[in-house]
């Protein structure tokens, strides 16, 4: 089925947006697209699906899942950041609403976000509410990070141990635009699994999402942390829009929890470090506060900063002695 543009006689409405989904072809993609199409689509100009599977995505199946909403499929090159930048560059609306393919949008999700962005034209970004997909016995936990804000995650006890659902919203977050000192977005507004960006308010002279950050890169995460921090630092308008809600279907097994945390450490170090090494002392302070909190409160047996970094970037196991090294060992 060809990817044809919308009829030229139907330009985007003032409150229209583009929904963008970047995917590596996980089975959940069909469900996410079908739920978008089954909801209120009155403000969706089109759905852009970025195919990061080297062209192996079943295009006809994608179009069927999106129907009757018009869909375009773009060939990506792998990393999530590159795919998101591709969607931004090809969108025909100023506002692009990103959804991860493991998220389930509420029926009014796109309409609520479209109306909120249209009512607040000075915003560069709005992060919607994310809650875990409910499973029996689950609960929401939060942690206050001094100097950064409050983080939240879901937990549930399973047969194989405690399962974890990351990248969800904290009840303490204040709806509306963020005020005060810039911080990491995941402590005040959210993550890129439910994120609307206004292209005309994004930074000039650089990609919105840095291509060396995020899933599919060595960092493994951090692309939304870096962008959200930058937008707040530059006063471009960042808000929390809980009226646009999705459920995150990402209950990680105990075996996958530690690798995920390693990726989050790398992402935050590299996202905030990107600004710190360029002389941004506030970013350096946030990074120090983040690492200090993690060192003091982690369940992996890590007590020193060297252990934290070696654990995040290497194969160190918490609670064991670090291997002694000499300069000659590195030759």
Protein backbone atom coordinates (compact mmCIF):
# COMPACT_ATOMS: atom_id res chain seq x y z
CA UNK A 1 0.00 0.00 0.00
CA UNK A 2 1.66 3.31 -1.06
CA UNK A 3 2.29 6.12 1.41
CA UNK A 4 0.31 8.93 -0.18
CA UNK A 5 0.03 12.43 1.29
CA UNK A 6 -3.31 13.71 2.60
CA UNK A 7 -5.56 15.41 0.04
CA UNK A 8 -4.22 18.91 -0.68
CA UNK A 9 -7.66 20.41 -0.04
CA UNK A 10 -7.43 19.36 3.62
CA UNK A 11 -4.66 21.44 5.24
CA UNK A 12 -3.96 20.92 8.93
CA UNK A 13 -6.34 22.67 11.28
CA UNK A 14 -4.96 25.15 13.80
CA UNK A 15 -5.17 22.57 16.60
CA UNK A 16 -4.04 19.60 14.49
CA UNK A 17 -1.03 17.54 15.40
CA UNK A 18 1.00 14.67 14.03
CA UNK A 19 1.32 11.49 16.06
CA UNK A 20 4.78 9.92 15.72
CA UNK A 21 5.70 6.37 16.70
CA UNK A 22 9.28 5.14 16.27
CA UNK A 23 9.50 1.37 16.31
CA UNK A 24 11.77 -1.62 15.99
CA UNK A 25 8.77 -3.77 15.11
CA UNK A 26 7.77 -5.01 18.57
CA UNK A 27 4.42 -6.88 18.54
CA UNK A 28 2.95 -4.14 20.74
CA UNK A 29 3.09 -1.72 17.79
CA UNK A 30 -0.16 -2.99 16.26
CA UNK A 31 -1.98 -2.57 19.55
CA UNK A 32 -0.69 0.98 20.04
CA UNK A 33 -1.64 2.08 16.53
CA UNK A 34 -5.06 0.44 16.75
CA UNK A 35 -5.78 2.21 20.06
CA UNK A 36 -4.81 5.57 18.54
CA UNK A 37 -7.16 4.95 15.61
CA UNK A 38 -9.98 3.78 17.89
CA UNK A 39 -9.82 6.91 20.03
CA UNK A 40 -10.78 10.50 19.27
CA UNK A 41 -8.81 11.25 16.10
CA UNK A 42 -10.45 14.57 15.30
CA UNK A 43 -7.20 16.50 15.87
CA UNK A 44 -4.78 13.98 14.33
CA UNK A 45 -3.59 15.17 10.94
CA UNK A 46 -1.70 11.94 10.32
CA UNK A 47 0.34 9.24 12.00
CA UNK A 48 4.03 8.95 11.13
CA UNK A 49 5.58 5.55 11.85
CA UNK A 50 9.37 5.50 11.72
CA UNK A 51 10.52 2.00 10.78
CA UNK A 52 13.85 1.24 12.47
CA UNK A 53 13.78 -2.41 11.35
CA UNK A 54 15.73 -1.82 8.11
CA UNK A 55 12.57 -1.88 6.03
CA UNK A 56 11.19 -5.20 7.28
CA UNK A 57 8.04 -3.73 8.85
CA UNK A 58 4.81 -4.98 7.26
CA UNK A 59 3.57 -1.72 5.77
CA UNK A 60 0.14 -2.96 4.79
CA UNK A 61 -0.39 -4.19 8.34
CA UNK A 62 0.60 -0.78 9.72
CA UNK A 63 -1.80 1.04 7.42
CA UNK A 64 -4.61 -1.32 8.40
CA UNK A 65 -3.92 -0.72 12.10
CA UNK A 66 -4.04 3.07 11.62
CA UNK A 67 -7.16 3.15 9.46
CA UNK A 68 -9.07 5.35 8.93
CA UNK A 69 -6.32 7.78 10.05
CA UNK A 70 -3.84 8.61 7.31
CA UNK A 71 -0.42 7.07 7.98
CA UNK A 72 3.04 7.55 6.54
CA UNK A 73 5.93 5.15 7.09
CA UNK A 74 9.47 6.49 7.06
CA UNK A 75 12.59 4.34 6.95
CA UNK A 76 14.76 5.04 9.99
CA UNK A 77 18.39 4.13 10.58
CA UNK A 78 18.26 2.61 14.06
CA UNK A 79 18.72 4.92 17.05
CA UNK A 80 15.50 6.31 18.52
CA UNK A 81 16.83 9.88 18.48
CA UNK A 82 17.49 9.75 14.75
CA UNK A 83 14.00 8.37 14.16
CA UNK A 84 12.38 11.09 16.25
CA UNK A 85 14.33 13.78 14.43
CA UNK A 86 13.21 12.23 11.14
CA UNK A 87 9.57 12.42 12.22
CA UNK A 88 9.99 16.06 13.25
CA UNK A 89 11.55 16.97 9.91
CA UNK A 90 8.79 15.28 7.89
CA UNK A 91 5.75 16.37 9.90
CA UNK A 92 3.30 18.77 8.25
CA UNK A 93 2.02 20.17 11.54
CA UNK A 94 3.89 22.34 14.02
CA UNK A 95 3.04 20.04 16.94
CA UNK A 96 4.27 16.45 16.93
CA UNK A 97 3.06 14.06 19.63
CA UNK A 98 5.40 11.15 20.34
CA UNK A 99 4.19 7.81 21.69
CA UNK A 100 6.30 4.73 22.44
CA UNK A 101 4.92 1.53 20.95
CA UNK A 102 4.61 -0.08 24.39
CA UNK A 103 2.15 2.59 25.56
CA UNK A 104 -1.65 2.43 25.45
CA UNK A 105 -3.26 5.84 24.87
CA UNK A 106 -6.57 6.84 26.45
CA UNK A 107 -9.33 7.54 23.88
CA UNK A 108 -9.05 11.32 24.37
CA UNK A 109 -5.23 11.33 24.54
CA UNK A 110 -4.44 13.06 21.24
CA UNK A 111 -7.38 15.49 21.44
CA UNK A 112 -6.47 16.58 24.97
CA UNK A 113 -2.85 17.19 24.01
CA UNK A 114 -3.79 18.99 20.79
CA UNK A 115 -6.16 21.34 22.60
CA UNK A 116 -3.66 21.99 25.39
CA UNK A 117 -0.87 22.88 22.94
CA UNK A 118 -3.23 25.06 20.88
CA UNK A 119 -4.29 26.92 24.04
CA UNK A 120 -0.66 27.48 25.07
CA UNK A 121 1.17 28.60 21.92
CA UNK A 122 4.27 29.63 23.88
CA UNK A 123 5.06 26.05 24.91
CA UNK A 124 7.86 24.15 23.22
CA UNK A 125 6.98 20.87 24.95
CA UNK A 126 4.25 19.23 26.96
CA UNK A 127 4.65 15.86 28.66
CA UNK A 128 1.48 13.82 29.17
CA UNK A 129 0.63 11.62 32.12
CA UNK A 130 1.97 8.05 32.15
CA UNK A 131 0.71 5.34 34.49
CA UNK A 132 1.66 1.66 34.59
CA UNK A 133 -0.67 -0.81 32.92
CA UNK A 134 -2.52 -2.11 36.00
CA UNK A 135 -1.72 -5.66 37.07
CA UNK A 136 -2.95 -7.44 40.21
CA UNK A 137 -1.21 -6.23 43.34
CA UNK A 138 0.78 -3.42 41.75
CA UNK A 139 1.62 -0.19 43.55
CA UNK A 140 3.16 3.16 42.72
CA UNK A 141 6.35 4.17 44.49
CA UNK A 142 8.05 7.55 44.53
CA UNK A 143 11.36 8.99 45.61
CA UNK A 144 12.28 12.62 46.24
CA UNK A 145 15.66 13.56 44.82
CA UNK A 146 16.98 16.69 46.55
CA UNK A 147 17.64 19.42 44.03
CA UNK A 148 15.95 17.54 41.18
CA UNK A 149 12.32 16.70 42.03
CA UNK A 150 10.32 13.50 42.43
CA UNK A 151 10.58 10.29 40.48
CA UNK A 152 7.95 7.52 40.27
CA UNK A 153 7.77 3.90 39.18
CA UNK A 154 5.46 0.92 39.48
CA UNK A 155 6.29 -2.28 41.36
CA UNK A 156 4.56 -5.63 41.66
CA UNK A 157 5.60 -8.90 43.23
CA UNK A 158 5.67 -11.76 40.73
CA UNK A 159 6.61 -15.41 40.83
CA UNK A 160 10.14 -14.54 39.73
CA UNK A 161 10.56 -11.61 42.10
CA UNK A 162 9.76 -7.91 42.03
CA UNK A 163 8.84 -6.45 38.66
CA UNK A 164 9.42 -2.79 37.82
CA UNK A 165 7.63 -0.34 35.48
CA UNK A 166 9.70 2.80 34.79
CA UNK A 167 8.99 6.14 33.10
CA UNK A 168 5.68 6.94 34.80
CA UNK A 169 4.32 10.13 36.36
CA UNK A 170 4.54 11.15 40.02
CA UNK A 171 1.35 12.29 41.81
CA UNK A 172 3.15 15.36 43.18
CA UNK A 173 3.85 16.91 39.79
CA UNK A 174 2.08 20.23 39.20
CA UNK A 175 -0.04 20.46 36.03
CA UNK A 176 0.85 23.26 33.67
CA UNK A 177 4.09 25.05 32.80
CA UNK A 178 7.23 24.39 34.84
CA UNK A 179 8.52 27.29 36.92
CA UNK A 180 11.78 27.65 38.78
CA UNK A 181 15.23 26.25 38.13
CA UNK A 182 15.65 23.82 35.21
CA UNK A 183 15.97 20.19 36.17
CA UNK A 184 15.69 16.72 34.68
CA UNK A 185 12.24 16.33 33.09
CA UNK A 186 11.65 12.88 34.58
CA UNK A 187 11.46 14.51 38.03
CA UNK A 188 8.89 17.20 37.14
CA UNK A 189 7.03 16.46 33.88
CA UNK A 190 7.85 13.08 32.33
CA UNK A 191 9.64 11.24 29.56
CA UNK A 192 9.49 10.96 25.80
CA UNK A 193 7.05 8.03 25.82
CA UNK A 194 4.27 10.66 25.95
CA UNK A 195 5.66 13.95 24.67
CA UNK A 196 4.39 16.75 22.42
CA UNK A 197 6.93 19.06 20.78
CA UNK A 198 6.28 22.32 18.93
CA UNK A 199 8.75 22.41 16.08
CA UNK A 200 8.80 26.21 15.80
CA UNK A 201 9.93 26.55 19.44
CA UNK A 202 12.76 24.01 19.35
CA UNK A 203 16.43 25.03 19.51
CA UNK A 204 17.99 26.13 16.25
CA UNK A 205 21.24 24.87 14.79
CA UNK A 206 21.12 21.38 16.30
CA UNK A 207 18.90 18.30 16.15
CA UNK A 208 16.12 18.25 18.73
CA UNK A 209 17.27 14.85 20.01
CA UNK A 210 21.03 14.38 20.13
CA UNK A 211 21.82 11.28 18.03
CA UNK A 212 24.46 9.93 20.45
CA UNK A 213 21.85 9.62 23.20
CA UNK A 214 18.82 7.35 23.65
CA UNK A 215 17.83 3.79 22.81
CA UNK A 216 20.03 2.25 20.14
CA UNK A 217 23.15 4.17 21.24
CA UNK A 218 25.94 3.44 23.69
CA UNK A 219 24.22 5.62 26.28
CA UNK A 220 20.98 3.67 25.94
CA UNK A 221 18.83 6.57 27.22
CA UNK A 222 19.02 10.28 28.06
CA UNK A 223 17.86 11.89 24.81
CA UNK A 224 14.69 13.27 26.42
CA UNK A 225 16.55 14.24 29.60
CA UNK A 226 18.99 16.38 27.61
CA UNK A 227 16.30 18.02 25.47
CA UNK A 228 13.91 18.65 28.37
CA UNK A 229 16.67 20.21 30.46
CA UNK A 230 17.78 22.40 27.55
CA UNK A 231 14.25 23.66 26.89
CA UNK A 232 13.79 24.54 30.56
CA UNK A 233 17.21 26.22 30.73
CA UNK A 234 16.43 28.37 27.71
CA UNK A 235 12.93 29.28 28.93
CA UNK A 236 11.24 27.81 25.88
CA UNK A 237 8.17 26.61 27.76
CA UNK A 238 7.83 23.10 29.19
CA UNK A 239 4.64 21.80 30.82
CA UNK A 240 3.05 18.78 32.42
CA UNK A 241 -0.28 17.93 30.76
CA UNK A 242 -1.87 15.10 32.79
CA UNK A 243 -5.09 15.36 30.81
CA UNK A 244 -3.35 13.47 27.96
CA UNK A 245 -2.81 10.06 29.54
CA UNK A 246 -1.29 6.78 28.43
CA UNK A 247 -0.57 3.49 30.17
CA UNK A 248 2.97 2.12 30.04
CA UNK A 249 3.01 -1.62 29.39
CA UNK A 250 6.59 -2.20 30.49
CA UNK A 251 6.66 -4.47 33.53
CA UNK A 252 10.32 -5.50 33.54
CA UNK A 253 11.42 -8.83 34.93
CA UNK A 254 13.93 -8.86 37.79
CA UNK A 255 16.60 -10.01 35.33
CA UNK A 256 16.07 -6.97 33.10
CA UNK A 257 15.83 -4.39 35.89
CA UNK A 258 19.56 -4.04 36.54
CA UNK A 259 20.51 -3.55 32.87
CA UNK A 260 17.76 -0.92 32.59
CA UNK A 261 19.15 0.96 35.59
CA UNK A 262 22.62 0.81 34.09
CA UNK A 263 21.21 2.45 30.95
CA UNK A 264 19.51 5.17 32.95
CA UNK A 265 22.77 5.97 34.75
CA UNK A 266 24.62 6.24 31.43
CA UNK A 267 21.87 8.34 29.89
CA UNK A 268 21.76 10.84 32.74
CA UNK A 269 25.54 11.08 32.99
CA UNK A 270 25.88 11.75 29.27
CA UNK A 271 22.81 14.00 28.95
CA UNK A 272 23.75 16.32 31.81
CA UNK A 273 27.45 15.87 31.10
CA UNK A 274 26.85 17.22 27.58
CA UNK A 275 26.05 20.58 29.16
CA UNK A 276 28.41 20.36 32.13
CA UNK A 277 31.53 20.01 29.96
CA UNK A 278 30.39 23.11 28.05
CA UNK A 279 30.53 25.19 31.19
CA UNK A 280 26.98 24.80 32.48
CA UNK A 281 27.51 24.74 36.22
CA UNK A 282 23.82 24.16 36.94
CA UNK A 283 23.86 20.98 34.85
CA UNK A 284 27.00 19.89 36.69
CA UNK A 285 25.21 20.45 39.99
CA UNK A 286 22.22 18.40 38.88
CA UNK A 287 24.52 15.58 37.79
CA UNK A 288 26.29 15.63 41.14
CA UNK A 289 22.95 15.57 42.98
CA UNK A 290 21.70 12.69 40.84
CA UNK A 291 24.82 10.59 41.33
CA UNK A 292 24.85 11.39 45.03
CA UNK A 293 21.27 10.21 45.42
CA UNK A 294 21.93 7.01 43.47
CA UNK A 295 25.09 6.24 45.42
CA UNK A 296 23.27 6.68 48.72
CA UNK A 297 20.10 4.82 47.76
CA UNK A 298 20.50 1.92 45.34
CA UNK A 299 19.81 -1.75 45.71
CA UNK A 300 22.86 -3.00 43.84
CA UNK A 301 25.50 -2.87 46.57
CA UNK A 302 27.20 0.23 45.15
CA UNK A 303 28.75 2.56 47.71
CA UNK A 304 31.35 4.66 45.86
CA UNK A 305 31.17 6.81 42.74
CA UNK A 306 33.82 4.70 41.03
CA UNK A 307 31.72 1.60 41.61
CA UNK A 308 28.62 3.34 40.22
CA UNK A 309 30.36 4.36 37.02
CA UNK A 310 32.18 1.05 36.53
CA UNK A 311 28.87 -0.75 37.14
CA UNK A 312 27.03 1.46 34.63
CA UNK A 313 29.64 1.22 31.89
CA UNK A 314 31.25 -2.12 32.55
CA UNK A 315 30.72 -5.45 34.22
CA UNK A 316 31.32 -4.59 37.86
CA UNK A 317 29.10 -6.42 40.36
CA UNK A 318 28.03 -4.45 43.41
CA UNK A 319 29.37 -5.67 46.73
CA UNK A 320 32.50 -7.26 45.25
CA UNK A 321 36.06 -5.85 45.27
CA UNK A 322 37.00 -3.80 42.24
CA UNK A 323 39.78 -5.36 40.24
CA UNK A 324 43.13 -3.64 40.91
CA UNK A 325 44.61 -1.94 37.87
CA UNK A 326 47.98 -0.49 36.91
CA UNK A 327 48.71 1.64 33.90
CA UNK A 328 50.54 -1.35 32.43
CA UNK A 329 47.31 -3.39 32.67
CA UNK A 330 45.73 -1.06 30.12
CA UNK A 331 48.38 -1.55 27.43
